[in-house]
All heavy atoms as atom14 arrays in JSON, in Angstrom:
{
  "sequence": "DFIRQYTLAWYRQAPGNQRELVAAVPSIGNHEYADFAKGRF",
  "atom14_mask": [
    [1, 1, 1, 1, 1, 1, 1, 1, 0, 0, 0, 0, 0, 0],
    [1, 1, 1, 1, 1, 1, 1, 1, 1, 1, 1, 0, 0, 0],
    [1, 1, 1, 1, 1, 1, 1, 1, 0, 0, 0, 0, 0, 0],
    [1, 1, 1, 1, 1, 1, 1, 1, 1, 1, 1, 0, 0, 0],
    [1, 1, 1, 1, 1, 1, 1, 1, 1, 0, 0, 0, 0, 0],
    [1, 1, 1, 1, 1, 1, 1, 1, 1, 1, 1, 1, 0, 0],
    [1, 1, 1, 1, 1, 1, 1, 0, 0, 0, 0, 0, 0, 0],
    [1, 1, 1, 1, 1, 1, 1, 1, 0, 0, 0, 0, 0, 0],
    [1, 1, 1, 1, 1, 0, 0, 0, 0, 0, 0, 0, 0, 0],
    [1, 1, 1, 1, 1, 1, 1, 1, 1, 1, 1, 1, 1, 1],
    [1, 1, 1, 1, 1, 1, 1, 1, 1, 1, 1, 1, 0, 0],
    [1, 1, 1, 1, 1, 1, 1, 1, 1, 1, 1, 0, 0, 0],
    [1, 1, 1, 1, 1, 1, 1, 1, 1, 0, 0, 0, 0, 0],
    [1, 1, 1, 1, 1, 0, 0, 0, 0, 0, 0, 0, 0, 0],
    [1, 1, 1, 1, 1, 1, 1, 0, 0, 0, 0, 0, 0, 0],
    [1, 1, 1, 1, 0, 0, 0, 0, 0, 0, 0, 0, 0, 0],
    [1, 1, 1, 1, 1, 1, 1, 1, 0, 0, 0, 0, 0, 0],
    [1, 1, 1, 1, 1, 1, 1, 1, 1, 0, 0, 0, 0, 0],
    [1, 1, 1, 1, 1, 1, 1, 1, 1, 1, 1, 0, 0, 0],
    [1, 1, 1, 1, 1, 1, 1, 1, 1, 0, 0, 0, 0, 0],
    [1, 1, 1, 1, 1, 1, 1, 1, 0, 0, 0, 0, 0, 0],
    [1, 1, 1, 1, 1, 1, 1, 0, 0, 0, 0, 0, 0, 0],
    [1, 1, 1, 1, 1, 0, 0, 0, 0, 0, 0, 0, 0, 0],
    [1, 1, 1, 1, 1, 0, 0, 0, 0, 0, 0, 0, 0, 0],
    [1, 1, 1, 1, 1, 1, 1, 0, 0, 0, 0, 0, 0, 0],
    [1, 1, 1, 1, 1, 1, 1, 0, 0, 0, 0, 0, 0, 0],
    [1, 1, 1, 1, 1, 1, 0, 0, 0, 0, 0, 0, 0, 0],
    [1, 1, 1, 1, 1, 1, 1, 1, 0, 0, 0, 0, 0, 0],
    [1, 1, 1, 1, 0, 0, 0, 0, 0, 0, 0, 0, 0, 0],
    [1, 1, 1, 1, 1, 1, 1, 1, 0, 0, 0, 0, 0, 0],
    [1, 1, 1, 1, 1, 1, 1, 1, 1, 1, 0, 0, 0, 0],
    [1, 1, 1, 1, 1, 1, 1, 1, 1, 0, 0, 0, 0, 0],
    [1, 1, 1, 1, 1, 1, 1, 1, 1, 1, 1, 1, 0, 0],
    [1, 1, 1, 1, 1, 0, 0, 0, 0, 0, 0, 0, 0, 0],
    [1, 1, 1, 1, 1, 1, 1, 1, 0, 0, 0, 0, 0, 0],
    [1, 1, 1, 1, 1, 1, 1, 1, 1, 1, 1, 0, 0, 0],
    [1, 1, 1, 1, 1, 0, 0, 0, 0, 0, 0, 0, 0, 0],
    [1, 1, 1, 1, 1, 1, 1, 1, 1, 0, 0, 0, 0, 0],
    [1, 1, 1, 1, 0, 0, 0, 0, 0, 0, 0, 0, 0, 0],
    [1, 1, 1, 1, 1, 1, 1, 1, 1, 1, 1, 0, 0, 0],
    [1, 1, 1, 1, 1, 1, 1, 1, 1, 1, 1, 0, 0, 0]
  ],
  "atom14_positions": [
    [[-30.89, -6.29, 4.98], [-31.1, -6.71, 6.32], [-29.8, -6.95, 7.1], [-28.78, -7.38, 6.37], [-31.93, -8.06, 6.43], [-33.42, -7.79, 5.99], [-33.85, -6.67, 6.13], [-33.92, -8.75, 5.39], [0.0, 0.0, 0.0], [0.0, 0.0, 0.0], [0.0, 0.0, 0.0], [0.0, 0.0, 0.0], [0.0, 0.0, 0.0], [0.0, 0.0, 0.0]],
    [[-29.65, -6.83, 8.3], [-28.52, -7.23, 9.14], [-27.26, -6.38, 8.74], [-26.2, -6.92, 8.93], [-28.27, -8.76, 8.99], [-29.47, -9.48, 9.27], [-30.06, -10.35, 8.37], [-29.95, -9.73, 10.62], [-31.15, -11.18, 8.62], [-30.97, -10.5, 10.94], [-31.72, -11.16, 9.88], [0.0, 0.0, 0.0], [0.0, 0.0, 0.0], [0.0, 0.0, 0.0]],
    [[-27.49, -5.1, 8.38], [-26.3, -4.24, 8.05], [-25.32, -4.16, 9.25], [-24.12, -3.96, 9.19], [-26.8, -2.95, 7.59], [-27.62, -3.14, 6.29], [-25.68, -2.01, 7.1], [-27.03, -3.81, 5.07], [0.0, 0.0, 0.0], [0.0, 0.0, 0.0], [0.0, 0.0, 0.0], [0.0, 0.0, 0.0], [0.0, 0.0, 0.0], [0.0, 0.0, 0.0]],
    [[-26.13, -4.09, 10.49], [-25.22, -3.97, 11.64], [-24.12, -5.03, 11.92], [-23.24, -4.79, 12.52], [-26.16, -3.93, 12.88], [-27.0, -2.66, 13.06], [-27.92, -2.87, 14.19], [-28.71, -1.58, 14.41], [-29.81, -1.21, 13.81], [-30.28, -2.02, 12.82], [-30.46, -0.17, 13.98], [0.0, 0.0, 0.0], [0.0, 0.0, 0.0], [0.0, 0.0, 0.0]],
    [[-24.36, -6.15, 11.25], [-23.35, -7.31, 11.32], [-22.46, -7.32, 10.31], [-21.43, -8.19, 10.31], [-24.2, -8.69, 11.42], [-25.32, -8.7, 12.53], [-26.11, -10.08, 12.42], [-25.64, -11.08, 11.79], [-27.24, -10.02, 13.07], [0.0, 0.0, 0.0], [0.0, 0.0, 0.0], [0.0, 0.0, 0.0], [0.0, 0.0, 0.0], [0.0, 0.0, 0.0]],
    [[-22.48, -6.38, 9.3], [-21.55, -6.4, 8.19], [-20.22, -5.63, 8.49], [-20.36, -4.7, 9.28], [-22.23, -5.8, 6.97], [-23.08, -6.68, 6.08], [-24.18, -7.29, 6.84], [-22.88, -6.91, 4.85], [-25.08, -8.06, 6.04], [-23.7, -7.73, 4.09], [-24.79, -8.32, 4.76], [-25.72, -9.08, 4.0], [0.0, 0.0, 0.0], [0.0, 0.0, 0.0]],
    [[-19.19, -5.96, 7.96], [-17.96, -5.05, 7.82], [-18.35, -4.06, 6.72], [-18.54, -4.57, 5.45], [-16.7, -5.75, 7.72], [-16.39, -6.54, 8.84], [-15.68, -4.84, 7.31], [0.0, 0.0, 0.0], [0.0, 0.0, 0.0], [0.0, 0.0, 0.0], [0.0, 0.0, 0.0], [0.0, 0.0, 0.0], [0.0, 0.0, 0.0], [0.0, 0.0, 0.0]],
    [[-18.29, -2.85, 6.96], [-18.49, -1.76, 5.94], [-17.05, -1.06, 5.59], [-16.3, -0.86, 6.46], [-19.41, -0.75, 6.3], [-20.76, -1.41, 6.86], [-21.67, -0.1, 7.27], [-21.4, -2.14, 5.78], [0.0, 0.0, 0.0], [0.0, 0.0, 0.0], [0.0, 0.0, 0.0], [0.0, 0.0, 0.0], [0.0, 0.0, 0.0], [0.0, 0.0, 0.0]],
    [[-16.91, -0.8, 4.38], [-15.58, -0.27, 3.98], [-15.6, 0.73, 2.83], [-16.57, 0.57, 1.95], [-14.57, -1.4, 3.57], [0.0, 0.0, 0.0], [0.0, 0.0, 0.0], [0.0, 0.0, 0.0], [0.0, 0.0, 0.0], [0.0, 0.0, 0.0], [0.0, 0.0, 0.0], [0.0, 0.0, 0.0], [0.0, 0.0, 0.0], [0.0, 0.0, 0.0]],
    [[-14.68, 1.54, 2.63], [-14.41, 2.28, 1.46], [-13.08, 1.83, 0.81], [-12.17, 1.46, 1.38], [-14.16, 3.8, 1.81], [-15.31, 4.53, 2.21], [-15.81, 4.84, 3.48], [-16.22, 5.32, 1.28], [-16.9, 5.6, 3.36], [-17.22, 5.87, 2.01], [-16.31, 5.3, -0.13], [-18.29, 6.59, 1.48], [-17.35, 6.14, -0.74], [-18.4, 6.72, 0.04]],
    [[-13.31, 1.54, -0.53], [-12.24, 1.13, -1.42], [-12.18, 2.33, -2.4], [-12.97, 3.11, -2.67], [-12.48, -0.13, -2.08], [-12.3, -1.28, -1.29], [-13.24, -1.63, -0.23], [-11.16, -2.16, -1.39], [-13.09, -2.8, 0.55], [-11.1, -3.24, -0.57], [-12.06, -3.56, 0.45], [-11.89, -4.73, 1.25], [0.0, 0.0, 0.0], [0.0, 0.0, 0.0]],
    [[-10.97, 2.35, -3.15], [-10.82, 3.3, -4.21], [-10.03, 2.68, -5.4], [-9.28, 1.62, -5.15], [-10.19, 4.56, -3.79], [-8.64, 4.38, -3.37], [-8.01, 5.74, -2.93], [-6.7, 5.63, -2.74], [-5.88, 6.75, -2.34], [-6.49, 7.8, -1.91], [-4.67, 6.56, -2.32], [0.0, 0.0, 0.0], [0.0, 0.0, 0.0], [0.0, 0.0, 0.0]],
    [[-10.25, 3.2, -6.57], [-9.52, 2.73, -7.77], [-9.19, 3.84, -8.67], [-10.09, 4.54, -9.2], [-10.26, 1.66, -8.52], [-9.6, 0.93, -9.62], [-10.28, -0.21, -10.22], [-11.44, -0.4, -9.98], [-9.57, -1.09, -10.73], [0.0, 0.0, 0.0], [0.0, 0.0, 0.0], [0.0, 0.0, 0.0], [0.0, 0.0, 0.0], [0.0, 0.0, 0.0]],
    [[-7.86, 4.14, -8.95], [-7.48, 5.04, -9.93], [-7.18, 4.43, -11.18], [-6.93, 3.12, -11.29], [-6.24, 5.67, -9.25], [0.0, 0.0, 0.0], [0.0, 0.0, 0.0], [0.0, 0.0, 0.0], [0.0, 0.0, 0.0], [0.0, 0.0, 0.0], [0.0, 0.0, 0.0], [0.0, 0.0, 0.0], [0.0, 0.0, 0.0], [0.0, 0.0, 0.0]],
    [[-7.25, 5.13, -12.26], [-6.9, 4.57, -13.66], [-5.65, 3.74, -13.65], [-4.64, 4.4, -13.11], [-6.85, 5.76, -14.53], [-7.71, 6.89, -13.88], [-7.41, 6.58, -12.36], [0.0, 0.0, 0.0], [0.0, 0.0, 0.0], [0.0, 0.0, 0.0], [0.0, 0.0, 0.0], [0.0, 0.0, 0.0], [0.0, 0.0, 0.0], [0.0, 0.0, 0.0]],
    [[-5.57, 2.6, -14.18], [-4.49, 1.75, -14.21], [-4.02, 0.98, -12.85], [-2.95, 0.3, -12.89], [0.0, 0.0, 0.0], [0.0, 0.0, 0.0], [0.0, 0.0, 0.0], [0.0, 0.0, 0.0], [0.0, 0.0, 0.0], [0.0, 0.0, 0.0], [0.0, 0.0, 0.0], [0.0, 0.0, 0.0], [0.0, 0.0, 0.0], [0.0, 0.0, 0.0]],
    [[-4.8, 1.29, -11.85], [-4.32, 0.72, -10.6], [-5.32, -0.36, -10.15], [-6.51, -0.34, -10.68], [-4.39, 1.82, -9.55], [-3.12, 2.71, -9.69], [-2.34, 2.6, -10.53], [-3.0, 3.7, -8.77], [0.0, 0.0, 0.0], [0.0, 0.0, 0.0], [0.0, 0.0, 0.0], [0.0, 0.0, 0.0], [0.0, 0.0, 0.0], [0.0, 0.0, 0.0]],
    [[-5.01, -1.12, -9.18], [-5.93, -2.14, -8.63], [-6.85, -1.4, -7.53], [-6.46, -0.22, -7.02], [-5.14, -3.19, -7.9], [-4.21, -4.09, -8.71], [-5.09, -4.88, -9.53], [-6.02, -5.58, -9.12], [-4.59, -5.24, -10.83], [0.0, 0.0, 0.0], [0.0, 0.0, 0.0], [0.0, 0.0, 0.0], [0.0, 0.0, 0.0], [0.0, 0.0, 0.0]],
    [[-7.95, -1.87, -7.41], [-8.84, -1.45, -6.37], [-8.25, -1.71, -5.02], [-7.77, -2.82, -4.73], [-10.27, -1.99, -6.51], [-11.26, -1.27, -5.61], [-12.72, -1.71, -5.94], [-13.01, -1.41, -7.28], [-14.31, -1.59, -7.75], [-15.38, -2.04, -7.09], [-14.5, -1.2, -8.99], [0.0, 0.0, 0.0], [0.0, 0.0, 0.0], [0.0, 0.0, 0.0]],
    [[-8.3, -0.77, -4.22], [-7.45, -0.79, -2.8], [-8.28, -0.26, -1.77], [-9.2, 0.59, -1.91], [-6.07, -0.04, -2.87], [-6.35, 1.5, -3.04], [-4.97, 2.26, -3.19], [-3.81, 1.64, -2.85], [-4.97, 3.38, -3.53], [0.0, 0.0, 0.0], [0.0, 0.0, 0.0], [0.0, 0.0, 0.0], [0.0, 0.0, 0.0], [0.0, 0.0, 0.0]],
    [[-8.11, -0.96, -0.54], [-8.78, -0.54, 0.62], [-8.35, 0.89, 1.02], [-7.23, 1.24, 1.01], [-8.52, -1.49, 1.75], [-9.1, -1.06, 3.2], [-10.59, -1.35, 3.16], [-8.37, -1.9, 4.24], [0.0, 0.0, 0.0], [0.0, 0.0, 0.0], [0.0, 0.0, 0.0], [0.0, 0.0, 0.0], [0.0, 0.0, 0.0], [0.0, 0.0, 0.0]],
    [[-9.32, 1.67, 1.39], [-9.1, 3.06, 2.06], [-9.21, 2.8, 3.57], [-8.24, 3.24, 4.34], [-10.05, 4.09, 1.56], [-9.82, 5.4, 2.21], [-9.96, 4.22, 0.03], [0.0, 0.0, 0.0], [0.0, 0.0, 0.0], [0.0, 0.0, 0.0], [0.0, 0.0, 0.0], [0.0, 0.0, 0.0], [0.0, 0.0, 0.0], [0.0, 0.0, 0.0]],
    [[-10.39, 2.45, 4.01], [-10.64, 2.24, 5.43], [-11.9, 1.25, 5.58], [-12.7, 1.18, 4.67], [-10.93, 3.5, 6.05], [0.0, 0.0, 0.0], [0.0, 0.0, 0.0], [0.0, 0.0, 0.0], [0.0, 0.0, 0.0], [0.0, 0.0, 0.0], [0.0, 0.0, 0.0], [0.0, 0.0, 0.0], [0.0, 0.0, 0.0], [0.0, 0.0, 0.0]],
    [[-11.86, 0.59, 6.74], [-12.96, -0.32, 6.97], [-13.45, -0.23, 8.46], [-12.54, 0.08, 9.25], [-12.65, -1.8, 6.76], [0.0, 0.0, 0.0], [0.0, 0.0, 0.0], [0.0, 0.0, 0.0], [0.0, 0.0, 0.0], [0.0, 0.0, 0.0], [0.0, 0.0, 0.0], [0.0, 0.0, 0.0], [0.0, 0.0, 0.0], [0.0, 0.0, 0.0]],
    [[-14.72, -0.41, 8.73], [-15.25, -0.41, 10.12], [-16.1, -1.63, 10.19], [-17.15, -1.68, 9.72], [-15.91, 0.88, 10.37], [-17.06, 1.2, 9.39], [-16.52, 0.8, 11.77], [0.0, 0.0, 0.0], [0.0, 0.0, 0.0], [0.0, 0.0, 0.0], [0.0, 0.0, 0.0], [0.0, 0.0, 0.0], [0.0, 0.0, 0.0], [0.0, 0.0, 0.0]],
    [[-15.57, -2.64, 10.9], [-16.32, -3.94, 11.23], [-17.34, -3.7, 12.36], [-17.33, -2.75, 13.08], [-15.21, -4.91, 11.59], [-14.21, -4.02, 12.31], [-14.17, -2.71, 11.59], [0.0, 0.0, 0.0], [0.0, 0.0, 0.0], [0.0, 0.0, 0.0], [0.0, 0.0, 0.0], [0.0, 0.0, 0.0], [0.0, 0.0, 0.0], [0.0, 0.0, 0.0]],
    [[-18.11, -4.81, 12.43], [-19.06, -4.76, 13.58], [-18.3, -5.01, 14.88], [-18.59, -4.59, 15.87], [-20.16, -5.83, 13.32], [-20.99, -5.92, 14.33], [0.0, 0.0, 0.0], [0.0, 0.0, 0.0], [0.0, 0.0, 0.0], [0.0, 0.0, 0.0], [0.0, 0.0, 0.0], [0.0, 0.0, 0.0], [0.0, 0.0, 0.0], [0.0, 0.0, 0.0]],
    [[-17.26, -5.97, 14.67], [-16.46, -6.26, 15.83], [-15.02, -6.03, 15.47], [-14.47, -6.59, 14.5], [-16.55, -7.67, 16.31], [-17.96, -8.01, 16.76], [-15.63, -8.27, 17.31], [-18.23, -9.44, 17.0], [0.0, 0.0, 0.0], [0.0, 0.0, 0.0], [0.0, 0.0, 0.0], [0.0, 0.0, 0.0], [0.0, 0.0, 0.0], [0.0, 0.0, 0.0]],
    [[-14.25, -5.29, 16.3], [-12.84, -5.01, 16.01], [-12.56, -3.57, 15.74], [-13.42, -2.73, 15.7], [0.0, 0.0, 0.0], [0.0, 0.0, 0.0], [0.0, 0.0, 0.0], [0.0, 0.0, 0.0], [0.0, 0.0, 0.0], [0.0, 0.0, 0.0], [0.0, 0.0, 0.0], [0.0, 0.0, 0.0], [0.0, 0.0, 0.0], [0.0, 0.0, 0.0]],
    [[-11.24, -3.33, 15.61], [-10.86, -1.97, 15.38], [-11.04, -1.51, 13.94], [-11.22, -2.21, 13.05], [-9.37, -1.81, 15.64], [-9.07, -2.11, 17.02], [-9.76, -1.7, 18.08], [-7.91, -2.72, 17.41], [0.0, 0.0, 0.0], [0.0, 0.0, 0.0], [0.0, 0.0, 0.0], [0.0, 0.0, 0.0], [0.0, 0.0, 0.0], [0.0, 0.0, 0.0]],
    [[-11.2, -0.09, 13.77], [-11.17, 0.46, 12.45], [-9.83, 0.15, 11.84], [-8.83, 0.17, 12.44], [-11.41, 2.01, 12.55], [-12.75, 2.45, 13.06], [-13.48, 1.63, 13.88], [-13.45, 3.51, 12.76], [-14.59, 2.35, 14.14], [-14.7, 3.4, 13.42], [0.0, 0.0, 0.0], [0.0, 0.0, 0.0], [0.0, 0.0, 0.0], [0.0, 0.0, 0.0]],
    [[-9.93, -0.12, 10.43], [-8.75, -0.39, 9.65], [-8.66, 0.84, 8.61], [-9.51, 1.34, 7.99], [-8.92, -1.69, 8.95], [-9.04, -2.82, 9.71], [-7.8, -3.34, 10.44], [-6.66, -2.92, 9.88], [-7.81, -4.07, 11.4], [0.0, 0.0, 0.0], [0.0, 0.0, 0.0], [0.0, 0.0, 0.0], [0.0, 0.0, 0.0], [0.0, 0.0, 0.0]],
    [[-7.23, 1.25, 8.53], [-6.89, 2.24, 7.62], [-5.73, 1.95, 6.82], [-4.8, 1.28, 7.3], [-6.64, 3.63, 8.33], [-7.8, 4.25, 9.04], [-8.09, 4.05, 10.39], [-8.59, 5.19, 8.23], [-9.14, 4.64, 10.95], [-9.77, 5.78, 8.86], [-9.91, 5.5, 10.18], [-11.01, 6.13, 10.79], [0.0, 0.0, 0.0], [0.0, 0.0, 0.0]],
    [[-5.74, 2.16, 5.49], [-4.62, 2.01, 4.65], [-3.57, 2.99, 5.22], [-3.94, 4.11, 5.69], [-4.97, 2.26, 3.11], [0.0, 0.0, 0.0], [0.0, 0.0, 0.0], [0.0, 0.0, 0.0], [0.0, 0.0, 0.0], [0.0, 0.0, 0.0], [0.0, 0.0, 0.0], [0.0, 0.0, 0.0], [0.0, 0.0, 0.0], [0.0, 0.0, 0.0]],
    [[-2.29, 2.76, 4.98], [-1.17, 3.67, 5.34], [-1.37, 5.04, 4.86], [-1.16, 6.01, 5.59], [0.11, 3.22, 4.96], [0.56, 1.96, 5.89], [-0.06, 1.68, 6.88], [1.52, 1.1, 5.43], [0.0, 0.0, 0.0], [0.0, 0.0, 0.0], [0.0, 0.0, 0.0], [0.0, 0.0, 0.0], [0.0, 0.0, 0.0], [0.0, 0.0, 0.0]],
    [[-1.83, 5.18, 3.6], [-1.92, 6.47, 2.92], [-3.06, 7.27, 3.54], [-3.2, 8.64, 3.58], [-2.11, 6.48, 1.41], [-3.53, 5.72, 0.99], [-4.68, 6.39, 1.03], [-3.4, 4.41, 0.62], [-5.85, 5.8, 0.62], [-4.55, 3.78, 0.11], [-5.84, 4.42, 0.2], [0.0, 0.0, 0.0], [0.0, 0.0, 0.0], [0.0, 0.0, 0.0]],
    [[-4.13, 6.69, 4.26], [-5.21, 7.32, 4.87], [-4.93, 7.68, 6.45], [-5.75, 8.52, 6.85], [-6.41, 6.39, 4.8], [0.0, 0.0, 0.0], [0.0, 0.0, 0.0], [0.0, 0.0, 0.0], [0.0, 0.0, 0.0], [0.0, 0.0, 0.0], [0.0, 0.0, 0.0], [0.0, 0.0, 0.0], [0.0, 0.0, 0.0], [0.0, 0.0, 0.0]],
    [[-4.07, 7.02, 6.98], [-3.83, 7.3, 8.5], [-3.52, 8.7, 8.76], [-2.7, 9.22, 8.17], [-2.77, 6.29, 9.01], [-3.23, 4.82, 8.97], [-1.96, 4.11, 9.38], [-2.45, 2.51, 9.47], [-1.3, 1.65, 9.84], [0.0, 0.0, 0.0], [0.0, 0.0, 0.0], [0.0, 0.0, 0.0], [0.0, 0.0, 0.0], [0.0, 0.0, 0.0]],
    [[-4.22, 9.32, 9.76], [-3.98, 10.66, 10.03], [-4.68, 11.66, 9.09], [-4.66, 12.91, 9.6], [0.0, 0.0, 0.0], [0.0, 0.0, 0.0], [0.0, 0.0, 0.0], [0.0, 0.0, 0.0], [0.0, 0.0, 0.0], [0.0, 0.0, 0.0], [0.0, 0.0, 0.0], [0.0, 0.0, 0.0], [0.0, 0.0, 0.0], [0.0, 0.0, 0.0]],
    [[-5.2, 11.31, 8.01], [-5.92, 12.18, 7.15], [-7.38, 11.82, 6.92], [-8.26, 12.83, 6.77], [-5.14, 12.16, 5.78], [-3.8, 12.64, 5.77], [-3.29, 12.9, 4.26], [-3.43, 11.67, 3.45], [-3.94, 11.55, 2.27], [-4.46, 12.6, 1.7], [-3.97, 10.45, 1.6], [0.0, 0.0, 0.0], [0.0, 0.0, 0.0], [0.0, 0.0, 0.0]],
    [[-7.65, 10.6, 6.96], [-9.05, 10.2, 6.68], [-9.79, 9.53, 7.89], [-8.97, 8.99, 8.71], [-9.14, 9.16, 5.58], [-8.68, 9.54, 4.25], [-8.61, 8.61, 3.09], [-8.35, 10.82, 4.04], [-8.25, 9.0, 1.89], [-7.79, 11.34, 2.8], [-7.78, 10.33, 1.71], [0.0, 0.0, 0.0], [0.0, 0.0, 0.0], [0.0, 0.0, 0.0]]
  ]
}
């Protein structure tokens, strides 16, 4: 329920690395992108 009110996001985790944000799209506000994703994703 109420998915429209959630911030939804993609994260990723490579072996030996911390889980990191790829991109997020909130209900309110701008899309967020990790630096490595900008211009590509």
